[in-house]
Amino acid sequence: MEGYGVSGALSGINDSSASRPFDRTRDGFVLAEGACVLVLEDYEAALKRGAQIYGEIIGYGNTTDAFHMTRPNPEGEARAISMAIKEAGINIEDIDYISAHATSTQLGDKAETEAIKIALGKRAYEIPVSSVKSMSGHMLSASGAFEAAITLMSMKEGVIAPAINRKEKDSECNLNYVTEIKKVEIKTAVSNSFGFGGVNAVLVFKRV
């Protein structure tokens, strides 16, 4: 309980816009709780038993740059993104959507924006980007699985969940952020998950 109290998780005064990724006035994440389980299975086995298939993992990238405990390194994050894309065997033009880690911190959102630019170049400005944490809060260790599941559902339903509460634009966070529900065909998507101490993981999904 003490840890939650120190984090402000027990506060009753945070308004509904407390989590605002990529907004100029963002000032930290909202701690949350949750759980998510993803079932990974051989494609042929899933077909044989008639399973509902939400997508295929075609690429994975992981870096541990140990740059700083709380200050992310865009270069380390960008390497993870590039590794995942390379393993997926796709071109950057094939990416239809990016689920950002974006925690609503000044340093984190800026670093992730820069990382996406480093990895994707000019294409970074065209791909729709969103952050589920604007609605769910930060579930810490559960966030990666939860956001991967949301990304898969976005692909299945053809709908991107918005990064809500972005009211004031930040010149250093200037990508194609989705701030309202958007219907779009998603064949290939990227899901970023970045942790304290420079632990970075990126998944690339393909619609099946």
N, C-alpha and C. Protein backbone atom coordinates (compact mmCIF):
# COMPACT_ATOMS: atom_id res chain seq x y z
N MET A 1 0.83 -1.20 0.00
CA MET A 1 0.00 0.00 0.00
C MET A 1 0.87 1.25 0.00
N GLU A 2 2.00 1.17 0.70
CA GLU A 2 2.87 2.35 0.77
C GLU A 2 3.38 2.73 -0.61
N GLY A 3 3.75 1.70 -1.40
CA GLY A 3 4.23 1.97 -2.74
C GLY A 3 3.19 2.65 -3.61
N TYR A 4 1.95 2.20 -3.51
CA TYR A 4 0.87 2.81 -4.26
C TYR A 4 0.63 4.24 -3.80
N GLY A 5 0.74 4.45 -2.50
CA GLY A 5 0.52 5.79 -1.97
C GLY A 5 1.56 6.77 -2.46
N VAL A 6 2.82 6.33 -2.46
CA VAL A 6 3.91 7.19 -2.94
C VAL A 6 3.72 7.53 -4.41
N SER A 7 3.20 6.57 -5.18
CA SER A 7 2.98 6.79 -6.62
C SER A 7 1.76 7.64 -6.91
N GLY A 8 1.00 7.96 -5.87
CA GLY A 8 -0.21 8.76 -6.07
C GLY A 8 -1.37 7.96 -6.57
N ALA A 9 -1.26 6.61 -6.52
CA ALA A 9 -2.32 5.76 -7.06
C ALA A 9 -3.57 5.77 -6.21
N LEU A 10 -3.45 6.23 -4.96
CA LEU A 10 -4.62 6.25 -4.08
C LEU A 10 -5.29 7.61 -4.06
N SER A 11 -4.81 8.51 -4.90
CA SER A 11 -5.39 9.86 -4.93
C SER A 11 -6.79 9.84 -5.51
N GLY A 12 -7.64 10.66 -4.95
CA GLY A 12 -9.00 10.78 -5.47
C GLY A 12 -9.23 12.09 -6.19
N ILE A 13 -8.15 12.83 -6.45
CA ILE A 13 -8.31 14.17 -7.04
C ILE A 13 -7.84 14.25 -8.49
N ASN A 14 -7.26 13.16 -9.03
CA ASN A 14 -6.83 13.19 -10.43
C ASN A 14 -8.03 13.26 -11.35
N ASP A 15 -8.01 14.20 -12.28
CA ASP A 15 -9.15 14.31 -13.19
C ASP A 15 -9.02 13.31 -14.33
N SER A 16 -10.04 13.27 -15.18
CA SER A 16 -10.10 12.25 -16.24
C SER A 16 -9.05 12.46 -17.33
N SER A 17 -8.40 13.61 -17.35
CA SER A 17 -7.39 13.88 -18.37
C SER A 17 -5.98 13.78 -17.80
N ALA A 18 -5.83 13.11 -16.66
CA ALA A 18 -4.53 13.02 -16.01
C ALA A 18 -3.51 12.31 -16.89
N SER A 19 -3.94 11.30 -17.64
CA SER A 19 -3.05 10.62 -18.57
C SER A 19 -3.27 11.20 -19.96
N ARG A 20 -2.27 11.89 -20.47
CA ARG A 20 -2.40 12.58 -21.76
C ARG A 20 -1.12 12.45 -22.59
N PRO A 21 -0.86 11.28 -23.12
CA PRO A 21 0.33 11.06 -23.93
C PRO A 21 0.46 12.05 -25.08
N PHE A 22 1.69 12.52 -25.27
CA PHE A 22 2.06 13.41 -26.37
C PHE A 22 1.48 14.83 -26.25
N ASP A 23 0.74 15.11 -25.19
CA ASP A 23 0.25 16.47 -24.96
C ASP A 23 1.38 17.31 -24.38
N ARG A 24 1.43 18.58 -24.73
CA ARG A 24 2.51 19.46 -24.26
C ARG A 24 2.54 19.55 -22.74
N THR A 25 1.40 19.45 -22.09
CA THR A 25 1.33 19.62 -20.63
C THR A 25 1.39 18.30 -19.86
N ARG A 26 1.68 17.20 -20.53
CA ARG A 26 1.73 15.90 -19.85
C ARG A 26 2.72 15.95 -18.68
N ASP A 27 2.37 15.29 -17.59
CA ASP A 27 3.26 15.37 -16.42
C ASP A 27 3.35 14.05 -15.65
N GLY A 28 3.17 12.94 -16.35
CA GLY A 28 3.37 11.65 -15.69
C GLY A 28 2.25 10.68 -15.93
N PHE A 29 2.53 9.41 -15.64
CA PHE A 29 1.54 8.37 -15.91
C PHE A 29 0.59 8.16 -14.74
N VAL A 30 -0.53 7.54 -15.05
CA VAL A 30 -1.51 7.17 -14.04
C VAL A 30 -1.35 5.67 -13.78
N LEU A 31 -1.01 5.31 -12.56
CA LEU A 31 -0.80 3.92 -12.22
C LEU A 31 -2.12 3.16 -12.27
N ALA A 32 -2.08 1.96 -12.83
CA ALA A 32 -3.30 1.16 -12.98
C ALA A 32 -3.01 -0.30 -12.69
N GLU A 33 -4.06 -1.08 -12.62
CA GLU A 33 -3.93 -2.51 -12.42
C GLU A 33 -4.66 -3.24 -13.54
N GLY A 34 -4.19 -4.42 -13.85
CA GLY A 34 -4.85 -5.21 -14.88
C GLY A 34 -4.07 -6.47 -15.15
N ALA A 35 -4.63 -7.33 -15.95
CA ALA A 35 -3.97 -8.57 -16.31
C ALA A 35 -4.38 -8.96 -17.73
N CYS A 36 -3.51 -9.66 -18.40
CA CYS A 36 -3.81 -10.10 -19.77
C CYS A 36 -3.00 -11.35 -20.08
N VAL A 37 -3.60 -12.28 -20.76
CA VAL A 37 -2.92 -13.50 -21.17
C VAL A 37 -3.05 -13.65 -22.68
N LEU A 38 -1.93 -13.85 -23.34
CA LEU A 38 -1.92 -14.11 -24.77
C LEU A 38 -1.56 -15.58 -25.00
N VAL A 39 -2.33 -16.28 -25.78
CA VAL A 39 -2.06 -17.68 -26.08
C VAL A 39 -1.31 -17.77 -27.40
N LEU A 40 -0.06 -18.24 -27.35
CA LEU A 40 0.75 -18.41 -28.56
C LEU A 40 0.70 -19.87 -28.97
N GLU A 41 0.44 -20.09 -30.24
CA GLU A 41 0.22 -21.46 -30.71
C GLU A 41 0.68 -21.60 -32.16
N ASP A 42 1.15 -22.78 -32.49
CA ASP A 42 1.50 -23.08 -33.87
C ASP A 42 0.27 -22.87 -34.76
N TYR A 43 0.48 -22.25 -35.90
CA TYR A 43 -0.63 -21.88 -36.77
C TYR A 43 -1.46 -23.10 -37.19
N GLU A 44 -0.79 -24.16 -37.61
CA GLU A 44 -1.50 -25.35 -38.07
C GLU A 44 -2.32 -25.98 -36.94
N ALA A 45 -1.76 -25.97 -35.72
CA ALA A 45 -2.46 -26.54 -34.57
C ALA A 45 -3.71 -25.72 -34.24
N ALA A 46 -3.58 -24.40 -34.35
CA ALA A 46 -4.72 -23.53 -34.07
C ALA A 46 -5.84 -23.76 -35.09
N LEU A 47 -5.45 -23.93 -36.35
CA LEU A 47 -6.44 -24.21 -37.39
C LEU A 47 -7.14 -25.54 -37.14
N LYS A 48 -6.35 -26.52 -36.75
CA LYS A 48 -6.89 -27.87 -36.56
C LYS A 48 -7.96 -27.91 -35.48
N ARG A 49 -7.76 -27.12 -34.41
CA ARG A 49 -8.74 -27.16 -33.32
C ARG A 49 -9.81 -26.07 -33.46
N GLY A 50 -9.76 -25.33 -34.56
CA GLY A 50 -10.77 -24.31 -34.81
C GLY A 50 -10.68 -23.10 -33.91
N ALA A 51 -9.46 -22.74 -33.53
CA ALA A 51 -9.26 -21.61 -32.62
C ALA A 51 -9.53 -20.28 -33.31
N GLN A 52 -9.94 -19.29 -32.52
CA GLN A 52 -10.06 -17.93 -33.03
C GLN A 52 -8.66 -17.33 -33.11
N ILE A 53 -8.19 -17.06 -34.31
CA ILE A 53 -6.85 -16.51 -34.49
C ILE A 53 -6.95 -15.00 -34.68
N TYR A 54 -6.27 -14.26 -33.82
CA TYR A 54 -6.35 -12.80 -33.87
C TYR A 54 -5.23 -12.18 -34.69
N GLY A 55 -4.15 -12.92 -34.87
CA GLY A 55 -3.04 -12.39 -35.64
C GLY A 55 -1.82 -13.27 -35.49
N GLU A 56 -0.79 -12.93 -36.24
CA GLU A 56 0.46 -13.69 -36.21
C GLU A 56 1.61 -12.77 -35.82
N ILE A 57 2.46 -13.24 -34.91
CA ILE A 57 3.68 -12.50 -34.57
C ILE A 57 4.71 -12.82 -35.64
N ILE A 58 5.10 -11.82 -36.40
CA ILE A 58 6.07 -12.06 -37.48
C ILE A 58 7.43 -11.43 -37.19
N GLY A 59 7.51 -10.60 -36.15
CA GLY A 59 8.78 -9.97 -35.84
C GLY A 59 8.88 -9.59 -34.38
N TYR A 60 10.10 -9.65 -33.85
CA TYR A 60 10.35 -9.31 -32.45
C TYR A 60 11.71 -8.64 -32.34
N GLY A 61 11.78 -7.56 -31.57
CA GLY A 61 13.05 -6.90 -31.32
C GLY A 61 13.19 -6.58 -29.86
N ASN A 62 14.39 -6.76 -29.31
CA ASN A 62 14.62 -6.51 -27.89
C ASN A 62 16.00 -5.92 -27.69
N THR A 63 16.06 -4.83 -26.93
CA THR A 63 17.35 -4.24 -26.56
C THR A 63 17.35 -3.93 -25.08
N THR A 64 18.52 -3.96 -24.49
CA THR A 64 18.70 -3.56 -23.09
C THR A 64 19.87 -2.60 -23.08
N ASP A 65 19.59 -1.31 -23.21
CA ASP A 65 20.67 -0.34 -23.39
C ASP A 65 21.26 0.17 -22.08
N ALA A 66 20.54 -0.02 -20.95
CA ALA A 66 21.02 0.40 -19.64
C ALA A 66 21.49 1.86 -19.64
N PHE A 67 20.82 2.69 -20.43
CA PHE A 67 21.21 4.09 -20.57
C PHE A 67 20.98 4.87 -19.28
N HIS A 68 19.80 4.75 -18.72
CA HIS A 68 19.44 5.47 -17.50
C HIS A 68 18.20 4.80 -16.91
N MET A 69 18.05 4.84 -15.61
CA MET A 69 16.93 4.15 -14.98
C MET A 69 15.58 4.71 -15.42
N THR A 70 15.48 6.04 -15.51
CA THR A 70 14.18 6.65 -15.82
C THR A 70 14.19 7.54 -17.06
N ARG A 71 15.37 7.78 -17.66
CA ARG A 71 15.45 8.61 -18.87
C ARG A 71 15.70 7.72 -20.08
N PRO A 72 14.71 7.53 -20.93
CA PRO A 72 14.86 6.61 -22.07
C PRO A 72 15.86 7.11 -23.10
N ASN A 73 16.45 6.16 -23.80
CA ASN A 73 17.39 6.46 -24.87
C ASN A 73 16.73 6.17 -26.21
N PRO A 74 16.45 7.18 -27.02
CA PRO A 74 15.80 6.96 -28.31
C PRO A 74 16.54 5.97 -29.20
N GLU A 75 17.87 5.98 -29.13
CA GLU A 75 18.66 5.08 -29.98
C GLU A 75 18.39 3.62 -29.63
N GLY A 76 18.32 3.32 -28.33
CA GLY A 76 18.04 1.95 -27.90
C GLY A 76 16.66 1.50 -28.31
N GLU A 77 15.68 2.39 -28.16
CA GLU A 77 14.31 2.07 -28.57
C GLU A 77 14.23 1.87 -30.08
N ALA A 78 14.91 2.74 -30.82
CA ALA A 78 14.90 2.65 -32.29
C ALA A 78 15.51 1.34 -32.77
N ARG A 79 16.57 0.88 -32.10
CA ARG A 79 17.18 -0.39 -32.49
C ARG A 79 16.21 -1.55 -32.33
N ALA A 80 15.43 -1.51 -31.23
CA ALA A 80 14.45 -2.57 -31.01
C ALA A 80 13.38 -2.56 -32.11
N ILE A 81 12.93 -1.37 -32.49
CA ILE A 81 11.95 -1.25 -33.57
C ILE A 81 12.52 -1.79 -34.88
N SER A 82 13.74 -1.38 -35.19
CA SER A 82 14.38 -1.82 -36.44
C SER A 82 14.61 -3.32 -36.46
N MET A 83 15.01 -3.89 -35.32
CA MET A 83 15.23 -5.33 -35.23
C MET A 83 13.94 -6.10 -35.51
N ALA A 84 12.84 -5.61 -34.93
CA ALA A 84 11.55 -6.28 -35.12
C ALA A 84 11.11 -6.24 -36.58
N ILE A 85 11.29 -5.08 -37.20
CA ILE A 85 10.90 -4.93 -38.61
C ILE A 85 11.76 -5.82 -39.51
N LYS A 86 13.05 -5.87 -39.21
CA LYS A 86 13.96 -6.71 -40.00
C LYS A 86 13.58 -8.18 -39.88
N GLU A 87 13.31 -8.63 -38.65
CA GLU A 87 12.94 -10.03 -38.46
C GLU A 87 11.61 -10.35 -39.15
N ALA A 88 10.71 -9.37 -39.18
CA ALA A 88 9.41 -9.57 -39.83
C ALA A 88 9.54 -9.70 -41.34
N GLY A 89 10.65 -9.20 -41.88
CA GLY A 89 10.86 -9.28 -43.32
C GLY A 89 9.93 -8.37 -44.11
N ILE A 90 9.59 -7.23 -43.51
CA ILE A 90 8.70 -6.29 -44.18
C ILE A 90 9.42 -4.98 -44.46
N ASN A 91 8.80 -4.15 -45.29
CA ASN A 91 9.28 -2.80 -45.53
C ASN A 91 8.53 -1.85 -44.61
N ILE A 92 9.12 -0.70 -44.33
CA ILE A 92 8.45 0.26 -43.44
C ILE A 92 7.15 0.76 -44.06
N GLU A 93 7.04 0.68 -45.38
CA GLU A 93 5.80 1.10 -46.05
C GLU A 93 4.65 0.15 -45.74
N ASP A 94 4.97 -1.05 -45.26
CA ASP A 94 3.93 -2.04 -44.96
C ASP A 94 3.24 -1.80 -43.62
N ILE A 95 3.82 -0.97 -42.77
CA ILE A 95 3.29 -0.76 -41.42
C ILE A 95 2.07 0.16 -41.47
N ASP A 96 0.97 -0.33 -40.93
CA ASP A 96 -0.29 0.43 -40.97
C ASP A 96 -0.63 1.12 -39.66
N TYR A 97 0.02 0.72 -38.57
CA TYR A 97 -0.35 1.26 -37.26
C TYR A 97 0.76 0.99 -36.24
N ILE A 98 0.97 1.95 -35.34
CA ILE A 98 1.92 1.77 -34.24
C ILE A 98 1.19 1.99 -32.91
N SER A 99 1.23 0.98 -32.06
CA SER A 99 0.73 1.12 -30.69
C SER A 99 1.91 1.56 -29.85
N ALA A 100 1.90 2.81 -29.43
CA ALA A 100 3.04 3.38 -28.70
C ALA A 100 3.03 2.99 -27.23
N HIS A 101 4.21 2.93 -26.65
CA HIS A 101 4.34 2.68 -25.21
C HIS A 101 3.83 3.89 -24.42
N ALA A 102 4.05 5.05 -24.98
CA ALA A 102 3.67 6.37 -24.45
C ALA A 102 2.98 6.38 -23.09
N THR A 103 3.73 6.78 -22.07
CA THR A 103 3.22 6.76 -20.70
C THR A 103 2.73 8.12 -20.20
N SER A 104 2.83 9.14 -21.02
CA SER A 104 2.42 10.50 -20.64
C SER A 104 3.47 11.20 -19.79
N THR A 105 4.73 10.77 -19.92
CA THR A 105 5.81 11.49 -19.24
C THR A 105 6.52 12.38 -20.25
N GLN A 106 7.09 13.47 -19.76
CA GLN A 106 7.78 14.41 -20.65
C GLN A 106 8.92 13.73 -21.40
N LEU A 107 9.78 13.03 -20.68
CA LEU A 107 10.95 12.41 -21.30
C LEU A 107 10.57 11.20 -22.15
N GLY A 108 9.68 10.38 -21.64
CA GLY A 108 9.34 9.13 -22.32
C GLY A 108 8.67 9.33 -23.66
N ASP A 109 7.67 10.20 -23.71
CA ASP A 109 6.94 10.41 -24.97
C ASP A 109 7.83 11.07 -26.02
N LYS A 110 8.67 11.98 -25.57
CA LYS A 110 9.60 12.64 -26.49
C LYS A 110 10.60 11.63 -27.05
N ALA A 111 11.13 10.77 -26.18
CA ALA A 111 12.12 9.78 -26.62
C ALA A 111 11.50 8.78 -27.59
N GLU A 112 10.28 8.34 -27.31
CA GLU A 112 9.64 7.37 -28.21
C GLU A 112 9.34 8.00 -29.57
N THR A 113 8.91 9.25 -29.57
CA THR A 113 8.69 9.95 -30.84
C THR A 113 9.96 9.98 -31.66
N GLU A 114 11.08 10.32 -31.01
CA GLU A 114 12.37 10.38 -31.69
C GLU A 114 12.79 9.00 -32.17
N ALA A 115 12.53 7.97 -31.36
CA ALA A 115 12.90 6.61 -31.74
C ALA A 115 12.16 6.16 -33.00
N ILE A 116 10.89 6.48 -33.07
CA ILE A 116 10.09 6.11 -34.24
C ILE A 116 10.62 6.82 -35.48
N LYS A 117 11.03 8.08 -35.33
CA LYS A 117 11.60 8.83 -36.45
C LYS A 117 12.92 8.21 -36.91
N ILE A 118 13.76 7.84 -35.94
CA ILE A 118 15.05 7.24 -36.28
C ILE A 118 14.85 5.94 -37.05
N ALA A 119 13.93 5.12 -36.58
CA ALA A 119 13.72 3.80 -37.18
C ALA A 119 13.00 3.86 -38.53
N LEU A 120 12.08 4.81 -38.67
CA LEU A 120 11.21 4.81 -39.85
C LEU A 120 11.41 5.99 -40.80
N GLY A 121 12.24 6.94 -40.43
CA GLY A 121 12.49 8.06 -41.32
C GLY A 121 11.23 8.86 -41.63
N LYS A 122 11.09 9.28 -42.88
CA LYS A 122 9.94 10.10 -43.28
C LYS A 122 8.61 9.36 -43.11
N ARG A 123 8.66 8.04 -43.21
CA ARG A 123 7.44 7.23 -43.07
C ARG A 123 6.83 7.38 -41.67
N ALA A 124 7.65 7.75 -40.70
CA ALA A 124 7.18 7.91 -39.31
C ALA A 124 6.05 8.93 -39.20
N TYR A 125 6.07 9.94 -40.06
CA TYR A 125 5.07 11.01 -39.99
C TYR A 125 3.73 10.60 -40.59
N GLU A 126 3.70 9.46 -41.28
CA GLU A 126 2.49 9.04 -41.99
C GLU A 126 1.69 7.97 -41.24
N ILE A 127 2.37 7.13 -40.50
CA ILE A 127 1.72 5.99 -39.85
C ILE A 127 0.89 6.44 -38.65
N PRO A 128 -0.36 6.00 -38.53
CA PRO A 128 -1.17 6.33 -37.35
C PRO A 128 -0.53 5.78 -36.07
N VAL A 129 -0.46 6.63 -35.05
CA VAL A 129 0.14 6.25 -33.76
C VAL A 129 -0.87 6.53 -32.65
N SER A 130 -1.00 5.60 -31.72
CA SER A 130 -1.93 5.82 -30.61
C SER A 130 -1.34 5.27 -29.32
N SER A 131 -1.94 5.63 -28.18
CA SER A 131 -1.51 5.11 -26.88
C SER A 131 -2.72 4.74 -26.04
N VAL A 132 -2.87 3.46 -25.78
CA VAL A 132 -3.99 2.97 -24.98
C VAL A 132 -3.90 3.44 -23.53
N LYS A 133 -2.67 3.74 -23.07
CA LYS A 133 -2.51 4.16 -21.67
C LYS A 133 -3.27 5.44 -21.35
N SER A 134 -3.62 6.21 -22.37
CA SER A 134 -4.42 7.41 -22.12
C SER A 134 -5.77 7.05 -21.53
N MET A 135 -6.23 5.82 -21.78
CA MET A 135 -7.52 5.36 -21.26
C MET A 135 -7.38 4.33 -20.15
N SER A 136 -6.36 3.48 -20.26
CA SER A 136 -6.21 2.38 -19.29
C SER A 136 -5.32 2.71 -18.12
N GLY A 137 -4.46 3.74 -18.26
CA GLY A 137 -3.42 3.96 -17.28
C GLY A 137 -2.27 3.00 -17.54
N HIS A 138 -1.25 3.05 -16.68
CA HIS A 138 -0.05 2.22 -16.84
C HIS A 138 -0.13 1.02 -15.90
N MET A 139 -0.29 -0.16 -16.47
CA MET A 139 -0.40 -1.40 -15.69
C MET A 139 0.96 -2.02 -15.38
N LEU A 140 2.03 -1.28 -15.67
CA LEU A 140 3.39 -1.75 -15.43
C LEU A 140 3.63 -3.08 -16.14
N SER A 141 3.90 -4.17 -15.42
CA SER A 141 4.29 -5.43 -16.06
C SER A 141 3.19 -6.03 -16.94
N ALA A 142 1.95 -5.63 -16.73
CA ALA A 142 0.85 -6.16 -17.56
C ALA A 142 0.64 -5.35 -18.84
N SER A 143 1.26 -4.19 -18.92
CA SER A 143 1.00 -3.28 -20.04
C SER A 143 1.36 -3.87 -21.40
N GLY A 144 2.50 -4.55 -21.47
CA GLY A 144 2.95 -5.09 -22.75
C GLY A 144 1.95 -6.07 -23.35
N ALA A 145 1.51 -7.02 -22.54
CA ALA A 145 0.55 -8.01 -23.02
C ALA A 145 -0.80 -7.37 -23.33
N PHE A 146 -1.23 -6.46 -22.46
CA PHE A 146 -2.53 -5.80 -22.66
C PHE A 146 -2.54 -5.00 -23.95
N GLU A 147 -1.49 -4.23 -24.19
CA GLU A 147 -1.44 -3.40 -25.38
C GLU A 147 -1.25 -4.23 -26.65
N ALA A 148 -0.57 -5.36 -26.53
CA ALA A 148 -0.47 -6.28 -27.67
C ALA A 148 -1.86 -6.81 -28.03
N ALA A 149 -2.64 -7.15 -27.00
CA ALA A 149 -4.00 -7.64 -27.23
C ALA A 149 -4.87 -6.58 -27.89
N ILE A 150 -4.74 -5.34 -27.42
CA ILE A 150 -5.51 -4.24 -28.01
C ILE A 150 -5.11 -4.03 -29.48
N THR A 151 -3.81 -4.16 -29.75
CA THR A 151 -3.33 -4.03 -31.13
C THR A 151 -3.93 -5.11 -32.02
N LEU A 152 -3.98 -6.33 -31.52
CA LEU A 152 -4.57 -7.44 -32.28
C LEU A 152 -6.06 -7.21 -32.52
N MET A 153 -6.76 -6.70 -31.51
CA MET A 153 -8.18 -6.41 -31.67
C MET A 153 -8.40 -5.28 -32.67
N SER A 154 -7.49 -4.31 -32.67
CA SER A 154 -7.58 -3.22 -33.64
C SER A 154 -7.46 -3.76 -35.06
N MET A 155 -6.56 -4.71 -35.25
CA MET A 155 -6.39 -5.33 -36.57
C MET A 155 -7.64 -6.09 -36.97
N LYS A 156 -8.19 -6.83 -36.03
CA LYS A 156 -9.36 -7.66 -36.32
C LYS A 156 -10.59 -6.82 -36.65
N GLU A 157 -10.79 -5.74 -35.87
CA GLU A 157 -11.99 -4.92 -36.02
C GLU A 157 -11.82 -3.77 -37.01
N GLY A 158 -10.58 -3.46 -37.37
CA GLY A 158 -10.34 -2.34 -38.27
C GLY A 158 -10.61 -1.00 -37.63
N VAL A 159 -10.31 -0.90 -36.35
CA VAL A 159 -10.55 0.33 -35.60
C VAL A 159 -9.36 0.62 -34.69
N ILE A 160 -8.89 1.86 -34.70
CA ILE A 160 -7.80 2.27 -33.82
C ILE A 160 -8.38 3.01 -32.62
N ALA A 161 -8.03 2.52 -31.43
CA ALA A 161 -8.44 3.22 -30.20
C ALA A 161 -7.60 4.48 -30.07
N PRO A 162 -8.20 5.62 -29.77
CA PRO A 162 -7.47 6.89 -29.78
C PRO A 162 -6.59 7.13 -28.56
N ALA A 163 -5.62 8.01 -28.73
CA ALA A 163 -4.86 8.56 -27.61
C ALA A 163 -5.64 9.79 -27.16
N ILE A 164 -6.46 9.63 -26.15
CA ILE A 164 -7.35 10.72 -25.73
C ILE A 164 -6.58 11.76 -24.90
N ASN A 165 -7.21 12.87 -24.68
CA ASN A 165 -6.72 13.95 -23.80
C ASN A 165 -5.57 14.76 -24.39
N ARG A 166 -5.25 14.57 -25.66
CA ARG A 166 -4.20 15.39 -26.28
C ARG A 166 -4.85 16.67 -26.79
N LYS A 167 -4.69 17.73 -26.02
CA LYS A 167 -5.32 19.01 -26.34
C LYS A 167 -4.33 20.04 -26.86
N GLU A 168 -3.11 20.02 -26.28
CA GLU A 168 -2.10 21.00 -26.67
C GLU A 168 -0.95 20.29 -27.38
N LYS A 169 -0.70 20.66 -28.62
CA LYS A 169 0.34 20.02 -29.41
C LYS A 169 1.73 20.35 -28.87
N ASP A 170 2.61 19.37 -28.97
CA ASP A 170 4.00 19.51 -28.56
C ASP A 170 4.85 19.45 -29.82
N SER A 171 5.66 20.45 -30.05
CA SER A 171 6.47 20.50 -31.27
C SER A 171 7.47 19.35 -31.35
N GLU A 172 7.81 18.77 -30.21
CA GLU A 172 8.76 17.65 -30.19
C GLU A 172 8.06 16.29 -30.28
N CYS A 173 6.75 16.32 -30.21
CA CYS A 173 5.95 15.10 -30.40
C CYS A 173 5.01 15.38 -31.56
N ASN A 174 5.50 15.15 -32.76
CA ASN A 174 4.80 15.65 -33.95
C ASN A 174 4.54 14.57 -34.99
N LEU A 175 4.11 13.41 -34.52
CA LEU A 175 3.76 12.33 -35.44
C LEU A 175 2.27 12.33 -35.73
N ASN A 176 1.80 11.31 -36.43
CA ASN A 176 0.39 11.23 -36.84
C ASN A 176 -0.43 10.55 -35.74
N TYR A 177 -0.64 11.28 -34.64
CA TYR A 177 -1.35 10.71 -33.50
C TYR A 177 -2.85 10.64 -33.75
N VAL A 178 -3.43 9.51 -33.39
CA VAL A 178 -4.87 9.31 -33.53
C VAL A 178 -5.53 9.76 -32.23
N THR A 179 -6.35 10.80 -32.30
CA THR A 179 -6.98 11.34 -31.09
C THR A 179 -8.48 11.10 -31.04
N GLU A 180 -9.02 10.49 -32.08
CA GLU A 180 -10.42 10.08 -32.10
C GLU A 180 -10.49 8.68 -32.70
N ILE A 181 -11.54 7.95 -32.39
CA ILE A 181 -11.70 6.61 -32.94
C ILE A 181 -11.58 6.67 -34.47
N LYS A 182 -10.74 5.81 -35.01
CA LYS A 182 -10.48 5.85 -36.45
C LYS A 182 -10.63 4.46 -37.07
N LYS A 183 -11.45 4.38 -38.12
CA LYS A 183 -11.61 3.12 -38.84
C LYS A 183 -10.55 3.06 -39.94
N VAL A 184 -9.78 2.00 -39.94
CA VAL A 184 -8.72 1.85 -40.93
C VAL A 184 -8.37 0.37 -41.08
N GLU A 185 -8.05 -0.04 -42.29
CA GLU A 185 -7.63 -1.42 -42.51
C GLU A 185 -6.19 -1.59 -42.02
N ILE A 186 -5.99 -2.52 -41.12
CA ILE A 186 -4.66 -2.76 -40.55
C ILE A 186 -4.22 -4.18 -40.90
N LYS A 187 -3.23 -4.28 -41.78
CA LYS A 187 -2.69 -5.59 -42.14
C LYS A 187 -1.44 -5.91 -41.33
N THR A 188 -0.68 -4.87 -41.00
CA THR A 188 0.55 -5.04 -40.23
C THR A 188 0.64 -3.94 -39.18
N ALA A 189 0.97 -4.32 -37.95
CA ALA A 189 1.03 -3.35 -36.86
C ALA A 189 2.25 -3.59 -35.98
N VAL A 190 2.71 -2.52 -35.35
CA VAL A 190 3.85 -2.56 -34.43
C VAL A 190 3.37 -2.19 -33.03
N SER A 191 3.82 -2.95 -32.04
CA SER A 191 3.47 -2.66 -30.65
C SER A 191 4.75 -2.46 -29.84
N ASN A 192 4.93 -1.26 -29.28
CA ASN A 192 6.11 -0.93 -28.50
C ASN A 192 5.87 -1.11 -27.00
N SER A 193 6.85 -1.67 -26.32
CA SER A 193 6.81 -1.77 -24.85
C SER A 193 8.21 -1.47 -24.32
N PHE A 194 8.33 -0.35 -23.61
CA PHE A 194 9.63 0.08 -23.11
C PHE A 194 9.61 0.18 -21.59
N GLY A 195 10.63 -0.38 -20.93
CA GLY A 195 10.63 -0.41 -19.47
C GLY A 195 11.73 0.42 -18.85
N PHE A 196 11.69 0.52 -17.53
CA PHE A 196 12.71 1.25 -16.79
C PHE A 196 14.08 0.63 -17.04
N GLY A 197 15.10 1.48 -17.09
CA GLY A 197 16.46 1.00 -17.26
C GLY A 197 16.83 0.66 -18.68
N GLY A 198 15.99 1.05 -19.64
CA GLY A 198 16.33 0.82 -21.04
C GLY A 198 16.05 -0.58 -21.53
N VAL A 199 15.02 -1.23 -20.97
CA VAL A 199 14.60 -2.55 -21.45
C VAL A 199 13.49 -2.33 -22.48
N ASN A 200 13.77 -2.64 -23.73
CA ASN A 200 12.86 -2.30 -24.82
C ASN A 200 12.45 -3.55 -25.61
N ALA A 201 11.16 -3.70 -25.84
CA ALA A 201 10.66 -4.83 -26.61
C ALA A 201 9.63 -4.34 -27.63
N VAL A 202 9.71 -4.87 -28.83
CA VAL A 202 8.80 -4.47 -29.92
C VAL A 202 8.31 -5.72 -30.64
N LEU A 203 7.01 -5.77 -30.90
CA LEU A 203 6.41 -6.87 -31.65
C LEU A 203 5.82 -6.34 -32.95
N VAL A 204 5.91 -7.14 -34.00
CA VAL A 204 5.24 -6.84 -35.26
C VAL A 204 4.19 -7.92 -35.50
N PHE A 205 2.96 -7.49 -35.71
CA PHE A 205 1.85 -8.42 -35.94
C PHE A 205 1.36 -8.34 -37.39
N LYS A 206 0.91 -9.47 -37.88
CA LYS A 206 0.28 -9.53 -39.20
C LYS A 206 -1.13 -10.08 -39.05
N ARG A 207 -2.06 -9.46 -39.75
CA ARG A 207 -3.43 -9.97 -39.72
C ARG A 207 -3.50 -11.30 -40.47
N VAL A 208 -4.25 -12.22 -39.92
CA VAL A 208 -4.39 -13.55 -40.53
C VAL A 208 -5.80 -13.68 -41.09
